Amino acid sequence: METSVAHDVFIHVRIVMGTVVGLGITRLLMGTAGIIQHPQRARLSLVHLLWVLSIMLELILFWWWEYELAEIKSWTFGTFAFLIGYSVVLFGLTALLFPDNLDDYGGYEDFFLKRRKWFFGLFGATFILDIVDTLIKGEPYLDSLGVWYLMQVPLGIALCIIAIRTTDRRYHLALVLIHLAYQVLWGAILFDERI
């Protein structure tokens, strides 16, 4: 595939991915605006609000890191479908943070804990999807991330399995705080190195 054609395909793929990521960001922003507009409508939760912040950051970082796809010289429909699927999984996380209706639940934390198997199932899947995404970007890109990147995959999956099995609020609070710290650190390092 010619370089100019590959770049055109990249732009097309990025637009479709951006649409799905944008829908996720919109869902988080609208849900947060709803909380601000009607704070008494549902009981608030620190765990839930921190996951909202974390997934917002996840979507932003995902969008930033996907720029590396510009280096791909040959595109296939399978690669395109995978990347759109990855974006859809990230959108799914946003839908699990802000449901259409909370009437059957005692607030955001109750909903979050009752839907934790879905949330952490999807969240755990993102670790595997990210490995495939990284391999699509090529071996030099994978090598540039270092051993810490590879170590975070089994650790992240293990933490998600525990989160699926427990309703302990302290565990869920600790997990989201660890994930936020990891995102900020990882994002700062990669942002600094790639500019």
N, C-alpha and C. Protein backbone atom coordinates (compact mmCIF):
# COMPACT_ATOMS: atom_id res chain seq x y z
N MET A 1 0.86 -1.18 0.00
CA MET A 1 0.00 0.00 0.00
C MET A 1 0.90 1.23 0.00
N GLU A 2 0.57 2.17 -0.87
CA GLU A 2 1.34 3.41 -0.92
C GLU A 2 1.22 4.16 0.39
N THR A 3 2.27 4.93 0.72
CA THR A 3 2.28 5.69 1.95
C THR A 3 1.12 6.67 2.02
N SER A 4 0.83 7.36 0.92
CA SER A 4 -0.26 8.35 0.94
C SER A 4 -1.61 7.66 1.12
N VAL A 5 -1.80 6.49 0.52
CA VAL A 5 -3.04 5.74 0.68
C VAL A 5 -3.16 5.25 2.12
N ALA A 6 -2.07 4.72 2.66
CA ALA A 6 -2.08 4.25 4.05
C ALA A 6 -2.43 5.39 5.00
N HIS A 7 -1.90 6.58 4.73
CA HIS A 7 -2.20 7.73 5.59
C HIS A 7 -3.68 8.12 5.47
N ASP A 8 -4.23 8.04 4.27
CA ASP A 8 -5.65 8.33 4.08
C ASP A 8 -6.53 7.33 4.84
N VAL A 9 -6.13 6.07 4.81
CA VAL A 9 -6.86 5.04 5.56
C VAL A 9 -6.76 5.34 7.05
N PHE A 10 -5.57 5.71 7.51
CA PHE A 10 -5.39 6.06 8.92
C PHE A 10 -6.35 7.18 9.33
N ILE A 11 -6.48 8.20 8.51
CA ILE A 11 -7.38 9.31 8.83
C ILE A 11 -8.82 8.81 8.91
N HIS A 12 -9.20 7.95 7.98
CA HIS A 12 -10.55 7.38 7.99
C HIS A 12 -10.79 6.57 9.27
N VAL A 13 -9.86 5.73 9.61
CA VAL A 13 -9.97 4.91 10.83
C VAL A 13 -10.05 5.81 12.05
N ARG A 14 -9.21 6.82 12.11
CA ARG A 14 -9.17 7.72 13.26
C ARG A 14 -10.49 8.49 13.41
N ILE A 15 -11.12 8.83 12.31
CA ILE A 15 -12.40 9.53 12.38
C ILE A 15 -13.47 8.62 12.98
N VAL A 16 -13.52 7.37 12.53
CA VAL A 16 -14.53 6.45 13.06
C VAL A 16 -14.25 6.16 14.54
N MET A 17 -12.99 5.92 14.88
CA MET A 17 -12.63 5.70 16.29
C MET A 17 -12.97 6.93 17.12
N GLY A 18 -12.67 8.11 16.58
CA GLY A 18 -12.95 9.36 17.28
C GLY A 18 -14.43 9.55 17.54
N THR A 19 -15.25 9.09 16.62
CA THR A 19 -16.69 9.19 16.81
C THR A 19 -17.13 8.36 18.02
N VAL A 20 -16.64 7.14 18.09
CA VAL A 20 -17.01 6.25 19.20
C VAL A 20 -16.44 6.78 20.52
N VAL A 21 -15.17 7.18 20.51
CA VAL A 21 -14.56 7.75 21.72
C VAL A 21 -15.30 9.03 22.13
N GLY A 22 -15.65 9.84 21.14
CA GLY A 22 -16.39 11.07 21.41
C GLY A 22 -17.74 10.79 22.06
N LEU A 23 -18.41 9.73 21.63
CA LEU A 23 -19.68 9.35 22.26
C LEU A 23 -19.46 8.96 23.72
N GLY A 24 -18.36 8.28 23.99
CA GLY A 24 -18.03 7.92 25.38
C GLY A 24 -17.77 9.15 26.23
N ILE A 25 -16.99 10.08 25.70
CA ILE A 25 -16.70 11.31 26.43
C ILE A 25 -18.00 12.09 26.64
N THR A 26 -18.84 12.13 25.62
CA THR A 26 -20.13 12.82 25.74
C THR A 26 -20.98 12.20 26.85
N ARG A 27 -21.01 10.88 26.90
CA ARG A 27 -21.81 10.20 27.94
C ARG A 27 -21.30 10.57 29.33
N LEU A 28 -19.98 10.59 29.50
CA LEU A 28 -19.41 10.95 30.80
C LEU A 28 -19.71 12.41 31.15
N LEU A 29 -19.57 13.29 30.17
CA LEU A 29 -19.84 14.71 30.43
C LEU A 29 -21.31 14.95 30.73
N MET A 30 -22.19 14.32 29.97
CA MET A 30 -23.63 14.48 30.21
C MET A 30 -24.03 13.90 31.56
N GLY A 31 -23.47 12.75 31.91
CA GLY A 31 -23.76 12.17 33.22
C GLY A 31 -23.28 13.06 34.36
N THR A 32 -22.08 13.60 34.20
CA THR A 32 -21.54 14.51 35.22
C THR A 32 -22.38 15.78 35.30
N ALA A 33 -22.79 16.31 34.14
CA ALA A 33 -23.65 17.51 34.14
C ALA A 33 -24.98 17.20 34.83
N GLY A 34 -25.50 16.01 34.62
CA GLY A 34 -26.75 15.61 35.29
C GLY A 34 -26.61 15.58 36.80
N ILE A 35 -25.46 15.13 37.27
CA ILE A 35 -25.20 15.12 38.72
C ILE A 35 -25.15 16.55 39.24
N ILE A 36 -24.49 17.43 38.51
CA ILE A 36 -24.39 18.83 38.93
C ILE A 36 -25.76 19.50 38.91
N GLN A 37 -26.55 19.22 37.89
CA GLN A 37 -27.87 19.84 37.76
C GLN A 37 -28.87 19.31 38.78
N HIS A 38 -28.77 18.02 39.09
CA HIS A 38 -29.73 17.39 40.00
C HIS A 38 -28.99 16.54 41.04
N PRO A 39 -28.27 17.18 41.97
CA PRO A 39 -27.45 16.42 42.91
C PRO A 39 -28.26 15.54 43.86
N GLN A 40 -29.53 15.82 44.03
CA GLN A 40 -30.36 15.02 44.95
C GLN A 40 -31.07 13.86 44.25
N ARG A 41 -30.96 13.78 42.94
CA ARG A 41 -31.67 12.74 42.18
C ARG A 41 -31.21 11.34 42.57
N ALA A 42 -29.93 11.16 42.77
CA ALA A 42 -29.38 9.85 43.14
C ALA A 42 -28.21 10.07 44.10
N ARG A 43 -28.04 9.12 45.00
CA ARG A 43 -26.94 9.21 45.96
C ARG A 43 -25.60 9.13 45.24
N LEU A 44 -24.74 10.09 45.56
CA LEU A 44 -23.42 10.14 44.94
C LEU A 44 -22.46 9.16 45.60
N SER A 45 -21.38 8.87 44.90
CA SER A 45 -20.39 7.92 45.39
C SER A 45 -19.00 8.37 44.97
N LEU A 46 -18.09 8.40 45.90
CA LEU A 46 -16.71 8.76 45.58
C LEU A 46 -16.10 7.73 44.64
N VAL A 47 -16.37 6.45 44.88
CA VAL A 47 -15.83 5.40 44.01
C VAL A 47 -16.32 5.61 42.58
N HIS A 48 -17.60 5.86 42.42
CA HIS A 48 -18.17 6.08 41.10
C HIS A 48 -17.56 7.30 40.43
N LEU A 49 -17.50 8.41 41.15
CA LEU A 49 -16.97 9.65 40.57
C LEU A 49 -15.50 9.51 40.17
N LEU A 50 -14.74 8.77 40.96
CA LEU A 50 -13.33 8.56 40.60
C LEU A 50 -13.21 7.67 39.36
N TRP A 51 -14.11 6.68 39.23
CA TRP A 51 -14.09 5.86 38.01
C TRP A 51 -14.50 6.69 36.80
N VAL A 52 -15.42 7.62 36.99
CA VAL A 52 -15.79 8.52 35.89
C VAL A 52 -14.55 9.30 35.44
N LEU A 53 -13.81 9.86 36.37
CA LEU A 53 -12.59 10.59 36.05
C LEU A 53 -11.56 9.67 35.38
N SER A 54 -11.41 8.47 35.91
CA SER A 54 -10.43 7.53 35.37
C SER A 54 -10.77 7.10 33.94
N ILE A 55 -12.03 6.82 33.68
CA ILE A 55 -12.41 6.39 32.33
C ILE A 55 -12.33 7.58 31.37
N MET A 56 -12.63 8.78 31.84
CA MET A 56 -12.45 9.96 30.99
C MET A 56 -10.97 10.08 30.58
N LEU A 57 -10.10 9.93 31.54
CA LEU A 57 -8.67 9.97 31.27
C LEU A 57 -8.27 8.83 30.34
N GLU A 58 -8.85 7.66 30.55
CA GLU A 58 -8.57 6.50 29.69
C GLU A 58 -8.93 6.80 28.23
N LEU A 59 -10.08 7.41 28.01
CA LEU A 59 -10.50 7.75 26.66
C LEU A 59 -9.56 8.78 26.02
N ILE A 60 -9.16 9.76 26.79
CA ILE A 60 -8.25 10.79 26.27
C ILE A 60 -6.89 10.19 25.94
N LEU A 61 -6.37 9.36 26.83
CA LEU A 61 -5.07 8.72 26.59
C LEU A 61 -5.15 7.77 25.40
N PHE A 62 -6.24 7.02 25.30
CA PHE A 62 -6.43 6.12 24.17
C PHE A 62 -6.35 6.93 22.87
N TRP A 63 -7.06 8.02 22.81
CA TRP A 63 -7.07 8.85 21.60
C TRP A 63 -5.66 9.35 21.28
N TRP A 64 -4.93 9.76 22.32
CA TRP A 64 -3.57 10.26 22.12
C TRP A 64 -2.64 9.16 21.60
N TRP A 65 -2.69 7.99 22.23
CA TRP A 65 -1.78 6.91 21.86
C TRP A 65 -2.09 6.34 20.47
N GLU A 66 -3.31 6.48 20.02
CA GLU A 66 -3.65 5.93 18.72
C GLU A 66 -3.03 6.70 17.57
N TYR A 67 -2.44 7.83 17.84
CA TYR A 67 -1.76 8.57 16.78
C TYR A 67 -0.61 7.74 16.20
N GLU A 68 -0.05 6.84 17.00
CA GLU A 68 1.04 5.98 16.52
C GLU A 68 0.61 5.11 15.35
N LEU A 69 -0.69 4.95 15.17
CA LEU A 69 -1.20 4.16 14.03
C LEU A 69 -0.85 4.81 12.69
N ALA A 70 -0.48 6.07 12.72
CA ALA A 70 -0.09 6.77 11.49
C ALA A 70 1.12 6.11 10.84
N GLU A 71 1.88 5.35 11.61
CA GLU A 71 3.08 4.69 11.09
C GLU A 71 2.78 3.39 10.35
N ILE A 72 1.54 2.90 10.43
CA ILE A 72 1.19 1.65 9.76
C ILE A 72 1.23 1.86 8.25
N LYS A 73 1.92 0.96 7.58
CA LYS A 73 2.09 1.06 6.13
C LYS A 73 1.04 0.29 5.35
N SER A 74 0.40 -0.69 6.00
CA SER A 74 -0.58 -1.52 5.31
C SER A 74 -1.77 -1.78 6.24
N TRP A 75 -2.96 -1.43 5.76
CA TRP A 75 -4.17 -1.59 6.56
C TRP A 75 -5.01 -2.75 6.04
N THR A 76 -5.68 -3.43 6.97
CA THR A 76 -6.63 -4.47 6.60
C THR A 76 -7.96 -4.16 7.28
N PHE A 77 -9.01 -4.78 6.76
CA PHE A 77 -10.31 -4.59 7.40
C PHE A 77 -10.28 -5.18 8.82
N GLY A 78 -9.54 -6.25 9.02
CA GLY A 78 -9.44 -6.86 10.35
C GLY A 78 -8.84 -5.89 11.37
N THR A 79 -7.80 -5.17 10.96
CA THR A 79 -7.19 -4.17 11.85
C THR A 79 -8.20 -3.06 12.15
N PHE A 80 -8.88 -2.59 11.11
CA PHE A 80 -9.90 -1.56 11.27
C PHE A 80 -10.99 -2.04 12.23
N ALA A 81 -11.51 -3.26 12.02
CA ALA A 81 -12.59 -3.79 12.87
C ALA A 81 -12.13 -3.95 14.31
N PHE A 82 -10.89 -4.40 14.49
CA PHE A 82 -10.36 -4.54 15.85
C PHE A 82 -10.33 -3.19 16.56
N LEU A 83 -9.83 -2.16 15.90
CA LEU A 83 -9.71 -0.84 16.52
C LEU A 83 -11.07 -0.25 16.85
N ILE A 84 -12.04 -0.46 15.98
CA ILE A 84 -13.39 0.02 16.27
C ILE A 84 -13.96 -0.77 17.44
N GLY A 85 -13.72 -2.08 17.46
CA GLY A 85 -14.17 -2.91 18.59
C GLY A 85 -13.56 -2.45 19.91
N TYR A 86 -12.29 -2.13 19.90
CA TYR A 86 -11.62 -1.63 21.11
C TYR A 86 -12.30 -0.34 21.57
N SER A 87 -12.59 0.54 20.63
CA SER A 87 -13.27 1.80 20.96
C SER A 87 -14.65 1.53 21.55
N VAL A 88 -15.35 0.55 21.01
CA VAL A 88 -16.69 0.20 21.51
C VAL A 88 -16.62 -0.33 22.93
N VAL A 89 -15.60 -1.12 23.24
CA VAL A 89 -15.42 -1.61 24.62
C VAL A 89 -15.22 -0.44 25.57
N LEU A 90 -14.42 0.53 25.17
CA LEU A 90 -14.22 1.71 26.01
C LEU A 90 -15.53 2.48 26.19
N PHE A 91 -16.32 2.59 25.12
CA PHE A 91 -17.63 3.22 25.24
C PHE A 91 -18.51 2.45 26.22
N GLY A 92 -18.44 1.12 26.17
CA GLY A 92 -19.22 0.29 27.09
C GLY A 92 -18.94 0.62 28.54
N LEU A 93 -17.70 0.92 28.85
CA LEU A 93 -17.36 1.31 30.23
C LEU A 93 -18.09 2.58 30.64
N THR A 94 -18.22 3.52 29.71
CA THR A 94 -18.93 4.77 30.05
C THR A 94 -20.41 4.51 30.28
N ALA A 95 -20.98 3.61 29.49
CA ALA A 95 -22.41 3.28 29.65
C ALA A 95 -22.65 2.59 31.00
N LEU A 96 -21.66 1.87 31.48
CA LEU A 96 -21.80 1.20 32.77
C LEU A 96 -21.55 2.15 33.95
N LEU A 97 -21.10 3.34 33.68
CA LEU A 97 -20.95 4.34 34.74
C LEU A 97 -22.17 5.24 34.83
N PHE A 98 -22.81 5.48 33.70
CA PHE A 98 -24.00 6.33 33.68
C PHE A 98 -25.13 5.61 32.96
N PRO A 99 -25.91 4.84 33.71
CA PRO A 99 -27.04 4.13 33.09
C PRO A 99 -28.14 5.11 32.70
N ASP A 100 -29.02 4.67 31.87
CA ASP A 100 -30.14 5.51 31.45
C ASP A 100 -31.09 5.81 32.62
N ASN A 101 -31.15 4.88 33.58
CA ASN A 101 -32.11 5.03 34.66
C ASN A 101 -31.56 4.37 35.93
N LEU A 102 -31.67 5.06 37.05
CA LEU A 102 -31.20 4.53 38.33
C LEU A 102 -32.35 4.15 39.27
N ASP A 103 -33.58 4.11 38.76
CA ASP A 103 -34.74 3.87 39.62
C ASP A 103 -34.67 2.58 40.42
N ASP A 104 -34.04 1.56 39.87
CA ASP A 104 -33.98 0.26 40.55
C ASP A 104 -32.79 0.13 41.50
N TYR A 105 -32.05 1.21 41.68
CA TYR A 105 -30.82 1.16 42.48
C TYR A 105 -30.82 2.25 43.54
N GLY A 106 -30.01 2.05 44.56
CA GLY A 106 -29.91 3.01 45.65
C GLY A 106 -28.85 4.07 45.40
N GLY A 107 -28.62 4.43 44.17
CA GLY A 107 -27.63 5.45 43.83
C GLY A 107 -26.56 4.89 42.91
N TYR A 108 -25.58 5.74 42.62
CA TYR A 108 -24.53 5.37 41.68
C TYR A 108 -23.65 4.24 42.19
N GLU A 109 -23.32 4.25 43.46
CA GLU A 109 -22.45 3.19 43.98
C GLU A 109 -23.16 1.85 43.97
N ASP A 110 -24.44 1.84 44.34
CA ASP A 110 -25.21 0.60 44.30
C ASP A 110 -25.24 0.05 42.87
N PHE A 111 -25.52 0.92 41.90
CA PHE A 111 -25.52 0.49 40.50
C PHE A 111 -24.14 -0.04 40.11
N PHE A 112 -23.09 0.72 40.44
CA PHE A 112 -21.73 0.33 40.07
C PHE A 112 -21.37 -1.04 40.65
N LEU A 113 -21.66 -1.24 41.93
CA LEU A 113 -21.30 -2.51 42.55
C LEU A 113 -22.13 -3.67 42.02
N LYS A 114 -23.38 -3.41 41.69
CA LYS A 114 -24.22 -4.48 41.14
C LYS A 114 -23.87 -4.80 39.69
N ARG A 115 -23.26 -3.89 39.00
CA ARG A 115 -22.84 -4.10 37.61
C ARG A 115 -21.33 -4.25 37.48
N ARG A 116 -20.66 -4.48 38.61
CA ARG A 116 -19.20 -4.55 38.61
C ARG A 116 -18.66 -5.69 37.74
N LYS A 117 -19.40 -6.80 37.63
CA LYS A 117 -18.91 -7.92 36.81
C LYS A 117 -18.80 -7.50 35.35
N TRP A 118 -19.79 -6.75 34.87
CA TRP A 118 -19.72 -6.24 33.50
C TRP A 118 -18.62 -5.20 33.37
N PHE A 119 -18.58 -4.26 34.31
CA PHE A 119 -17.61 -3.18 34.23
C PHE A 119 -16.18 -3.73 34.25
N PHE A 120 -15.88 -4.57 35.24
CA PHE A 120 -14.50 -5.06 35.35
C PHE A 120 -14.19 -6.16 34.34
N GLY A 121 -15.22 -6.82 33.81
CA GLY A 121 -15.00 -7.74 32.70
C GLY A 121 -14.53 -6.98 31.47
N LEU A 122 -15.23 -5.88 31.16
CA LEU A 122 -14.81 -5.03 30.03
C LEU A 122 -13.47 -4.36 30.31
N PHE A 123 -13.32 -3.87 31.54
CA PHE A 123 -12.08 -3.18 31.89
C PHE A 123 -10.89 -4.14 31.80
N GLY A 124 -11.06 -5.37 32.28
CA GLY A 124 -10.01 -6.38 32.16
C GLY A 124 -9.69 -6.69 30.71
N ALA A 125 -10.74 -6.71 29.88
CA ALA A 125 -10.53 -6.96 28.44
C ALA A 125 -9.68 -5.87 27.80
N THR A 126 -9.76 -4.64 28.32
CA THR A 126 -8.97 -3.57 27.71
C THR A 126 -7.46 -3.81 27.84
N PHE A 127 -7.06 -4.55 28.87
CA PHE A 127 -5.63 -4.85 29.01
C PHE A 127 -5.17 -5.76 27.86
N ILE A 128 -6.00 -6.74 27.52
CA ILE A 128 -5.67 -7.64 26.42
C ILE A 128 -5.77 -6.91 25.08
N LEU A 129 -6.83 -6.12 24.92
CA LEU A 129 -7.00 -5.35 23.69
C LEU A 129 -5.82 -4.40 23.48
N ASP A 130 -5.33 -3.83 24.56
CA ASP A 130 -4.21 -2.89 24.45
C ASP A 130 -2.94 -3.58 23.97
N ILE A 131 -2.73 -4.82 24.39
CA ILE A 131 -1.56 -5.57 23.91
C ILE A 131 -1.66 -5.76 22.40
N VAL A 132 -2.83 -6.18 21.92
CA VAL A 132 -3.02 -6.36 20.47
C VAL A 132 -2.82 -5.03 19.75
N ASP A 133 -3.40 -3.97 20.30
CA ASP A 133 -3.25 -2.63 19.72
C ASP A 133 -1.78 -2.26 19.63
N THR A 134 -1.03 -2.54 20.66
CA THR A 134 0.40 -2.23 20.68
C THR A 134 1.15 -3.05 19.64
N LEU A 135 0.80 -4.32 19.49
CA LEU A 135 1.44 -5.16 18.48
C LEU A 135 1.13 -4.67 17.07
N ILE A 136 -0.08 -4.15 16.86
CA ILE A 136 -0.43 -3.57 15.56
C ILE A 136 0.50 -2.41 15.23
N LYS A 137 0.86 -1.65 16.25
CA LYS A 137 1.72 -0.48 16.04
C LYS A 137 3.17 -0.87 15.75
N GLY A 138 3.52 -2.12 16.01
CA GLY A 138 4.83 -2.63 15.64
C GLY A 138 5.76 -2.88 16.82
N GLU A 139 6.75 -3.72 16.56
CA GLU A 139 7.70 -4.11 17.58
C GLU A 139 8.51 -2.95 18.15
N PRO A 140 8.95 -1.99 17.32
CA PRO A 140 9.68 -0.84 17.89
C PRO A 140 8.83 -0.08 18.93
N TYR A 141 7.54 0.05 18.63
CA TYR A 141 6.66 0.74 19.57
C TYR A 141 6.55 -0.06 20.87
N LEU A 142 6.37 -1.37 20.76
CA LEU A 142 6.30 -2.23 21.95
C LEU A 142 7.59 -2.14 22.76
N ASP A 143 8.72 -2.20 22.08
CA ASP A 143 10.01 -2.10 22.77
C ASP A 143 10.17 -0.77 23.49
N SER A 144 9.62 0.30 22.92
CA SER A 144 9.76 1.63 23.53
C SER A 144 8.98 1.74 24.84
N LEU A 145 8.01 0.86 25.05
CA LEU A 145 7.19 0.94 26.26
C LEU A 145 7.86 0.28 27.46
N GLY A 146 8.78 -0.63 27.24
CA GLY A 146 9.53 -1.24 28.32
C GLY A 146 8.79 -2.38 29.01
N VAL A 147 9.47 -2.96 29.96
CA VAL A 147 8.97 -4.14 30.66
C VAL A 147 7.78 -3.82 31.57
N TRP A 148 7.71 -2.59 32.07
CA TRP A 148 6.59 -2.22 32.95
C TRP A 148 5.26 -2.34 32.23
N TYR A 149 5.29 -2.03 30.96
CA TYR A 149 4.06 -2.13 30.18
C TYR A 149 3.55 -3.58 30.16
N LEU A 150 4.46 -4.50 29.91
CA LEU A 150 4.05 -5.91 29.85
C LEU A 150 3.65 -6.45 31.21
N MET A 151 4.26 -5.95 32.26
CA MET A 151 3.93 -6.40 33.62
C MET A 151 2.55 -5.93 34.06
N GLN A 152 2.10 -4.79 33.55
CA GLN A 152 0.82 -4.25 33.98
C GLN A 152 -0.36 -5.07 33.47
N VAL A 153 -0.17 -5.84 32.42
CA VAL A 153 -1.27 -6.61 31.85
C VAL A 153 -1.75 -7.71 32.82
N PRO A 154 -0.88 -8.64 33.24
CA PRO A 154 -1.38 -9.67 34.17
C PRO A 154 -1.82 -9.08 35.51
N LEU A 155 -1.13 -8.04 35.97
CA LEU A 155 -1.51 -7.41 37.22
C LEU A 155 -2.89 -6.76 37.10
N GLY A 156 -3.13 -6.03 36.01
CA GLY A 156 -4.42 -5.39 35.78
C GLY A 156 -5.55 -6.41 35.70
N ILE A 157 -5.31 -7.50 34.99
CA ILE A 157 -6.33 -8.54 34.87
C ILE A 157 -6.62 -9.17 36.23
N ALA A 158 -5.58 -9.45 37.00
CA ALA A 158 -5.77 -10.04 38.34
C ALA A 158 -6.57 -9.10 39.24
N LEU A 159 -6.26 -7.81 39.20
CA LEU A 159 -7.01 -6.84 40.02
C LEU A 159 -8.46 -6.75 39.58
N CYS A 160 -8.71 -6.89 38.28
CA CYS A 160 -10.10 -6.88 37.78
C CYS A 160 -10.85 -8.13 38.24
N ILE A 161 -10.20 -9.26 38.26
CA ILE A 161 -10.85 -10.50 38.73
C ILE A 161 -11.24 -10.35 40.19
N ILE A 162 -10.35 -9.78 41.00
CA ILE A 162 -10.69 -9.54 42.41
C ILE A 162 -11.86 -8.57 42.51
N ALA A 163 -11.84 -7.51 41.70
CA ALA A 163 -12.92 -6.50 41.72
C ALA A 163 -14.26 -7.12 41.32
N ILE A 164 -14.24 -8.09 40.42
CA ILE A 164 -15.47 -8.78 40.03
C ILE A 164 -16.04 -9.55 41.21
N ARG A 165 -15.16 -10.08 42.04
CA ARG A 165 -15.58 -10.97 43.13
C ARG A 165 -15.92 -10.27 44.44
N THR A 166 -15.52 -9.01 44.59
CA THR A 166 -15.74 -8.35 45.87
C THR A 166 -16.59 -7.09 45.74
N THR A 167 -17.37 -6.85 46.78
CA THR A 167 -18.13 -5.60 46.87
C THR A 167 -17.50 -4.67 47.91
N ASP A 168 -16.34 -5.04 48.42
CA ASP A 168 -15.66 -4.24 49.44
C ASP A 168 -15.33 -2.85 48.89
N ARG A 169 -15.99 -1.85 49.43
CA ARG A 169 -15.83 -0.47 48.96
C ARG A 169 -14.38 0.00 49.07
N ARG A 170 -13.68 -0.42 50.13
CA ARG A 170 -12.28 -0.02 50.31
C ARG A 170 -11.41 -0.55 49.16
N TYR A 171 -11.67 -1.79 48.75
CA TYR A 171 -10.92 -2.35 47.63
C TYR A 171 -11.17 -1.54 46.36
N HIS A 172 -12.44 -1.26 46.09
CA HIS A 172 -12.79 -0.53 44.87
C HIS A 172 -12.22 0.89 44.89
N LEU A 173 -12.22 1.52 46.06
CA LEU A 173 -11.63 2.86 46.18
C LEU A 173 -10.12 2.80 45.96
N ALA A 174 -9.46 1.83 46.58
CA ALA A 174 -8.01 1.69 46.40
C ALA A 174 -7.67 1.40 44.94
N LEU A 175 -8.46 0.54 44.31
CA LEU A 175 -8.19 0.17 42.93
C LEU A 175 -8.29 1.38 42.00
N VAL A 176 -9.33 2.17 42.15
CA VAL A 176 -9.47 3.32 41.26
C VAL A 176 -8.39 4.37 41.54
N LEU A 177 -7.99 4.54 42.79
CA LEU A 177 -6.91 5.48 43.10
C LEU A 177 -5.58 5.02 42.51
N ILE A 178 -5.32 3.72 42.58
CA ILE A 178 -4.11 3.16 41.98
C ILE A 178 -4.14 3.35 40.47
N HIS A 179 -5.30 3.09 39.87
CA HIS A 179 -5.41 3.24 38.42
C HIS A 179 -5.24 4.69 37.99
N LEU A 180 -5.81 5.61 38.73
CA LEU A 180 -5.63 7.03 38.41
C LEU A 180 -4.17 7.45 38.51
N ALA A 181 -3.51 7.02 39.57
CA ALA A 181 -2.08 7.36 39.74
C ALA A 181 -1.26 6.77 38.60
N TYR A 182 -1.57 5.54 38.22
CA TYR A 182 -0.88 4.88 37.12
C TYR A 182 -1.10 5.64 35.81
N GLN A 183 -2.34 6.04 35.56
CA GLN A 183 -2.64 6.78 34.33
C GLN A 183 -1.90 8.11 34.27
N VAL A 184 -1.89 8.82 35.36
CA VAL A 184 -1.22 10.11 35.39
C VAL A 184 0.28 9.93 35.17
N LEU A 185 0.88 8.97 35.86
CA LEU A 185 2.31 8.72 35.71
C LEU A 185 2.64 8.25 34.29
N TRP A 186 1.94 7.24 33.81
CA TRP A 186 2.19 6.67 32.49
C TRP A 186 1.94 7.71 31.40
N GLY A 187 0.85 8.45 31.53
CA GLY A 187 0.54 9.49 30.56
C GLY A 187 1.59 10.57 30.52
N ALA A 188 2.07 11.00 31.69
CA ALA A 188 3.09 12.05 31.74
C ALA A 188 4.40 11.57 31.11
N ILE A 189 4.78 10.34 31.38
CA ILE A 189 6.02 9.80 30.82
C ILE A 189 5.92 9.70 29.30
N LEU A 190 4.86 9.10 28.82
CA LEU A 190 4.71 8.90 27.37
C LEU A 190 4.50 10.22 26.64
N PHE A 191 3.73 11.10 27.24
CA PHE A 191 3.50 12.40 26.62
C PHE A 191 4.80 13.16 26.46
N ASP A 192 5.62 13.13 27.51
CA ASP A 192 6.89 13.83 27.50
C ASP A 192 7.84 13.22 26.46
N GLU A 193 7.85 11.88 26.36
CA GLU A 193 8.76 11.22 25.43
C GLU A 193 8.35 11.36 23.98
N ARG A 194 7.06 11.46 23.70
CA ARG A 194 6.58 11.39 22.32
C ARG A 194 6.41 12.75 21.66
N ILE A 195 6.54 13.83 22.40
CA ILE A 195 6.34 15.15 21.78
C ILE A 195 7.62 15.62 21.14
